[in-house]
Amino acid sequence: DCLAYKYWRDAVEETRSPEKRAEIVNKGLERATSEKARETLEDLLVEKDESEVKGKISIVELDEDEFESCLFSVCGGFRDLTTKELKDASVTNRSGPFGILTSKKEGERWVS
């Protein structure tokens, strides 16, 4: 049933293709050993009316650039930062396999 659970989870996450979802469920049914596991997987094959759905969680896939920290340099406290100081902050560049930060200005403070 552990492997059947993995297929159940994969089927729940497959929202783009009903055919692919059915294929995943069928693989799970082949590996399910308990009746409860089979019933749970078979429930995924039944199309539900929108009124039957209690809630829906949207899954958002982020690109690598979207979930990384954005670092920029500032002088002084962040609360005291003016718009001009923010616009004048130098741009940082990530380089190398570990994303080492570099800047053209020396002696700047970094805030993530």
C-alpha atoms as a PDB file:
ATOM      1  CA  ASP A   1       0.000   0.000   0.000  1.00  0.00           C
ATOM      2  CA  CYS A   2       2.958   2.355   0.453  1.00  0.00           C
ATOM      3  CA  LEU A   3       3.645   2.325  -3.269  1.00  0.00           C
ATOM      4  CA  ALA A   4      -0.079   2.715  -3.985  1.00  0.00           C
ATOM      5  CA  TYR A   5      -0.053   5.820  -1.774  1.00  0.00           C
ATOM      6  CA  LYS A   6       2.787   7.268  -3.844  1.00  0.00           C
ATOM      7  CA  TYR A   7       0.691   6.779  -6.995  1.00  0.00           C
ATOM      8  CA  TRP A   8      -2.360   8.300  -5.259  1.00  0.00           C
ATOM      9  CA  ARG A   9      -0.316  11.388  -4.352  1.00  0.00           C
ATOM     10  CA  ASP A  10       1.047  11.664  -7.899  1.00  0.00           C
ATOM     11  CA  ALA A  11      -2.486  11.350  -9.319  1.00  0.00           C
ATOM     12  CA  VAL A  12      -3.802  14.093  -7.035  1.00  0.00           C
ATOM     13  CA  GLU A  13      -1.012  16.392  -8.191  1.00  0.00           C
ATOM     14  CA  GLU A  14      -1.666  15.641 -11.898  1.00  0.00           C
ATOM     15  CA  THR A  15      -4.164  18.345 -12.875  1.00  0.00           C
ATOM     16  CA  ARG A  16      -3.312  18.935 -16.522  1.00  0.00           C
ATOM     17  CA  SER A  17      -4.144  15.624 -18.189  1.00  0.00           C
ATOM     18  CA  PRO A  18      -7.057  13.373 -17.172  1.00  0.00           C
ATOM     19  CA  GLU A  19      -5.553  10.553 -19.261  1.00  0.00           C
ATOM     20  CA  LYS A  20      -2.224  10.758 -17.452  1.00  0.00           C
ATOM     21  CA  ARG A  21      -4.064  10.904 -14.118  1.00  0.00           C
ATOM     22  CA  ALA A  22      -6.045   7.727 -14.989  1.00  0.00           C
ATOM     23  CA  GLU A  23      -2.809   5.994 -16.006  1.00  0.00           C
ATOM     24  CA  ILE A  24      -1.218   6.858 -12.654  1.00  0.00           C
ATOM     25  CA  VAL A  25      -4.298   5.650 -10.748  1.00  0.00           C
ATOM     26  CA  ASN A  26      -4.282   2.349 -12.663  1.00  0.00           C
ATOM     27  CA  LYS A  27      -0.626   1.791 -11.718  1.00  0.00           C
ATOM     28  CA  GLY A  28      -1.589   2.435  -8.098  1.00  0.00           C
ATOM     29  CA  LEU A  29      -4.491  -0.018  -8.323  1.00  0.00           C
ATOM     30  CA  GLU A  30      -2.092  -2.707  -9.565  1.00  0.00           C
ATOM     31  CA  ARG A  31       0.013  -2.258  -6.429  1.00  0.00           C
ATOM     32  CA  ALA A  32      -2.731  -1.676  -3.826  1.00  0.00           C
ATOM     33  CA  THR A  33      -3.166  -4.555  -1.405  1.00  0.00           C
ATOM     34  CA  SER A  34      -5.922  -3.358   0.943  1.00  0.00           C
ATOM     35  CA  GLU A  35      -9.538  -2.685   0.032  1.00  0.00           C
ATOM     36  CA  LYS A  36      -9.316   0.828   1.536  1.00  0.00           C
ATOM     37  CA  ALA A  37      -6.372   1.684  -0.741  1.00  0.00           C
ATOM     38  CA  ARG A  38      -8.272   0.425  -3.801  1.00  0.00           C
ATOM     39  CA  GLU A  39     -11.383   2.442  -2.866  1.00  0.00           C
ATOM     40  CA  THR A  40      -9.353   5.596  -2.318  1.00  0.00           C
ATOM     41  CA  LEU A  41      -7.640   5.264  -5.697  1.00  0.00           C
ATOM     42  CA  GLU A  42     -10.907   4.429  -7.476  1.00  0.00           C
ATOM     43  CA  ASP A  43     -12.450   7.625  -6.040  1.00  0.00           C
ATOM     44  CA  LEU A  44      -9.943   9.578  -8.126  1.00  0.00           C
ATOM     45  CA  LEU A  45     -11.324   8.025 -11.314  1.00  0.00           C
ATOM     46  CA  VAL A  46     -14.838   9.318 -10.594  1.00  0.00           C
ATOM     47  CA  GLU A  47     -15.334  12.814 -11.998  1.00  0.00           C
ATOM     48  CA  LYS A  48     -16.887  15.044  -9.374  1.00  0.00           C
ATOM     49  CA  ASP A  49     -19.258  17.904  -9.931  1.00  0.00           C
ATOM     50  CA  GLU A  50     -17.821  21.277  -8.844  1.00  0.00           C
ATOM     51  CA  SER A  51     -20.542  21.519  -6.162  1.00  0.00           C
ATOM     52  CA  GLU A  52     -19.148  18.322  -4.553  1.00  0.00           C
ATOM     53  CA  VAL A  53     -15.675  19.777  -4.162  1.00  0.00           C
ATOM     54  CA  LYS A  54     -15.206  21.251  -0.689  1.00  0.00           C
ATOM     55  CA  GLY A  55     -12.085  23.223  -1.509  1.00  0.00           C
ATOM     56  CA  LYS A  56      -9.351  23.523  -4.045  1.00  0.00           C
ATOM     57  CA  ILE A  57      -5.716  24.356  -3.521  1.00  0.00           C
ATOM     58  CA  SER A  58      -3.962  25.856  -6.504  1.00  0.00           C
ATOM     59  CA  ILE A  59      -0.442  24.632  -7.099  1.00  0.00           C
ATOM     60  CA  VAL A  60       1.962  27.225  -8.435  1.00  0.00           C
ATOM     61  CA  GLU A  61       5.210  26.124  -9.993  1.00  0.00           C
ATOM     62  CA  LEU A  62       7.975  28.681  -9.526  1.00  0.00           C
ATOM     63  CA  ASP A  63      11.033  29.141 -11.661  1.00  0.00           C
ATOM     64  CA  GLU A  64      14.404  29.060  -9.928  1.00  0.00           C
ATOM     65  CA  ASP A  65      14.711  32.857 -10.178  1.00  0.00           C
ATOM     66  CA  GLU A  66      11.342  33.342  -8.448  1.00  0.00           C
ATOM     67  CA  PHE A  67      12.144  31.590  -5.172  1.00  0.00           C
ATOM     68  CA  GLU A  68      15.677  32.770  -4.632  1.00  0.00           C
ATOM     69  CA  SER A  69      16.527  35.653  -2.328  1.00  0.00           C
ATOM     70  CA  CYS A  70      16.920  39.022  -3.913  1.00  0.00           C
ATOM     71  CA  LEU A  71      19.942  40.764  -2.401  1.00  0.00           C
ATOM     72  CA  PHE A  72      20.683  44.436  -2.696  1.00  0.00           C
ATOM     73  CA  SER A  73      23.052  46.807  -0.903  1.00  0.00           C
ATOM     74  CA  VAL A  74      21.950  49.653   1.380  1.00  0.00           C
ATOM     75  CA  CYS A  75      23.637  52.085   3.756  1.00  0.00           C
ATOM     76  CA  GLY A  76      22.125  52.539   7.205  1.00  0.00           C
ATOM     77  CA  GLY A  77      18.998  50.975   8.644  1.00  0.00           C
ATOM     78  CA  PHE A  78      16.359  49.549   6.338  1.00  0.00           C
ATOM     79  CA  ARG A  79      13.585  51.569   8.004  1.00  0.00           C
ATOM     80  CA  ASP A  80      15.457  54.810   7.332  1.00  0.00           C
ATOM     81  CA  LEU A  81      16.080  53.952   3.685  1.00  0.00           C
ATOM     82  CA  THR A  82      14.916  56.621   1.238  1.00  0.00           C
ATOM     83  CA  THR A  83      13.717  56.026  -2.310  1.00  0.00           C
ATOM     84  CA  LYS A  84      16.859  57.682  -3.673  1.00  0.00           C
ATOM     85  CA  GLU A  85      19.151  55.424  -1.624  1.00  0.00           C
ATOM     86  CA  LEU A  86      17.248  52.375  -2.836  1.00  0.00           C
ATOM     87  CA  LYS A  87      17.542  53.463  -6.481  1.00  0.00           C
ATOM     88  CA  ASP A  88      21.264  54.219  -6.010  1.00  0.00           C
ATOM     89  CA  ALA A  89      22.028  50.771  -4.537  1.00  0.00           C
ATOM     90  CA  SER A  90      24.368  48.785  -6.745  1.00  0.00           C
ATOM     91  CA  VAL A  91      23.262  45.701  -8.612  1.00  0.00           C
ATOM     92  CA  THR A  92      24.520  42.324  -7.432  1.00  0.00           C
ATOM     93  CA  ASN A  93      25.469  39.458  -9.686  1.00  0.00           C
ATOM     94  CA  ARG A  94      25.394  35.761  -8.865  1.00  0.00           C
ATOM     95  CA  SER A  95      28.169  33.753 -10.449  1.00  0.00           C
ATOM     96  CA  GLY A  96      29.660  30.297 -10.308  1.00  0.00           C
ATOM     97  CA  PRO A  97      28.128  26.999  -9.264  1.00  0.00           C
ATOM     98  CA  PHE A  98      27.379  28.246  -5.729  1.00  0.00           C
ATOM     99  CA  GLY A  99      25.842  31.587  -6.734  1.00  0.00           C
ATOM    100  CA  ILE A 100      28.539  33.732  -5.108  1.00  0.00           C
ATOM    101  CA  LEU A 101      27.445  37.374  -4.907  1.00  0.00           C
ATOM    102  CA  THR A 102      29.650  40.061  -6.330  1.00  0.00           C
ATOM    103  CA  SER A 103      29.300  43.810  -6.565  1.00  0.00           C
ATOM    104  CA  LYS A 104      31.199  46.577  -8.308  1.00  0.00           C
ATOM    105  CA  LYS A 105      31.360  48.675  -5.115  1.00  0.00           C
ATOM    106  CA  GLU A 106      33.562  47.860  -2.129  1.00  0.00           C
ATOM    107  CA  GLY A 107      32.481  48.085   1.512  1.00  0.00           C
ATOM    108  CA  GLU A 108      28.710  47.820   1.017  1.00  0.00           C
ATOM    109  CA  ARG A 109      26.337  46.163   3.462  1.00  0.00           C
ATOM    110  CA  TRP A 110      24.085  43.403   2.145  1.00  0.00           C
ATOM    111  CA  VAL A 111      20.446  42.795   2.992  1.00  0.00           C
ATOM    112  CA  SER A 112      18.411  39.784   1.921  1.00  0.00           C
END
